Amino acid sequence: MRSCIDVVISIRFHYLKFGELLDMPHC
């Protein structure tokens, strides 16, 4: 399974593609 950091980075990358910056919850 992916580590928490990898998941957060992947999610933030997808949001950046849409031009949105969201504060991801800390693990």
N, C-alpha and C. Protein backbone atom coordinates (compact mmCIF):
# COMPACT_ATOMS: atom_id res chain seq x y z
N MET A 1 0.84 -1.21 0.00
CA MET A 1 0.00 0.00 0.00
C MET A 1 0.87 1.25 0.00
N ARG A 2 0.33 2.29 -0.57
CA ARG A 2 1.09 3.55 -0.62
C ARG A 2 1.18 4.15 0.77
N SER A 3 2.25 4.91 0.97
CA SER A 3 2.39 5.59 2.26
C SER A 3 1.48 6.81 2.26
N CYS A 4 1.21 7.32 3.44
CA CYS A 4 0.28 8.45 3.55
C CYS A 4 0.80 9.65 2.76
N ILE A 5 2.09 9.87 2.78
CA ILE A 5 2.66 11.03 2.08
C ILE A 5 2.43 10.90 0.57
N ASP A 6 2.64 9.71 0.03
CA ASP A 6 2.45 9.51 -1.41
C ASP A 6 1.01 9.79 -1.80
N VAL A 7 0.07 9.36 -0.96
CA VAL A 7 -1.35 9.59 -1.26
C VAL A 7 -1.66 11.08 -1.25
N VAL A 8 -1.16 11.79 -0.25
CA VAL A 8 -1.43 13.24 -0.16
C VAL A 8 -0.84 13.96 -1.36
N ILE A 9 0.37 13.60 -1.75
CA ILE A 9 1.01 14.25 -2.90
C ILE A 9 0.20 13.99 -4.16
N SER A 10 -0.26 12.75 -4.33
CA SER A 10 -1.04 12.41 -5.53
C SER A 10 -2.34 13.20 -5.57
N ILE A 11 -3.01 13.30 -4.41
CA ILE A 11 -4.27 14.04 -4.37
C ILE A 11 -4.03 15.52 -4.66
N ARG A 12 -2.99 16.10 -4.05
CA ARG A 12 -2.71 17.52 -4.28
C ARG A 12 -2.34 17.76 -5.73
N PHE A 13 -1.63 16.81 -6.36
CA PHE A 13 -1.24 16.97 -7.76
C PHE A 13 -2.49 17.03 -8.64
N HIS A 14 -3.48 16.18 -8.35
CA HIS A 14 -4.71 16.17 -9.14
C HIS A 14 -5.44 17.50 -8.98
N TYR A 15 -5.49 18.02 -7.74
CA TYR A 15 -6.18 19.29 -7.51
C TYR A 15 -5.44 20.43 -8.22
N LEU A 16 -4.10 20.36 -8.25
CA LEU A 16 -3.33 21.42 -8.91
C LEU A 16 -3.62 21.42 -10.40
N LYS A 17 -3.91 20.24 -10.98
CA LYS A 17 -4.24 20.17 -12.40
C LYS A 17 -5.50 20.97 -12.68
N PHE A 18 -6.42 20.99 -11.72
CA PHE A 18 -7.66 21.73 -11.90
C PHE A 18 -7.51 23.18 -11.48
N GLY A 19 -6.29 23.53 -11.05
CA GLY A 19 -6.05 24.92 -10.65
C GLY A 19 -6.62 25.23 -9.29
N GLU A 20 -6.79 24.20 -8.46
CA GLU A 20 -7.32 24.44 -7.12
C GLU A 20 -6.31 24.00 -6.09
N LEU A 21 -6.20 24.80 -5.02
CA LEU A 21 -5.25 24.46 -3.96
C LEU A 21 -6.02 24.21 -2.68
N LEU A 22 -6.03 22.96 -2.24
CA LEU A 22 -6.77 22.63 -1.02
C LEU A 22 -5.81 22.18 0.07
N ASP A 23 -6.16 22.47 1.31
CA ASP A 23 -5.31 22.06 2.43
C ASP A 23 -5.60 20.61 2.76
N MET A 24 -4.66 19.73 2.46
CA MET A 24 -4.85 18.31 2.73
C MET A 24 -4.68 18.06 4.22
N PRO A 25 -5.52 17.22 4.81
CA PRO A 25 -5.39 16.90 6.23
C PRO A 25 -4.11 16.15 6.50
N HIS A 26 -3.50 16.43 7.65
CA HIS A 26 -2.25 15.74 7.99
C HIS A 26 -2.54 14.32 8.42
N CYS A 27 -1.59 13.46 8.25
CA CYS A 27 -1.80 12.05 8.59
C CYS A 27 -1.59 11.84 10.09
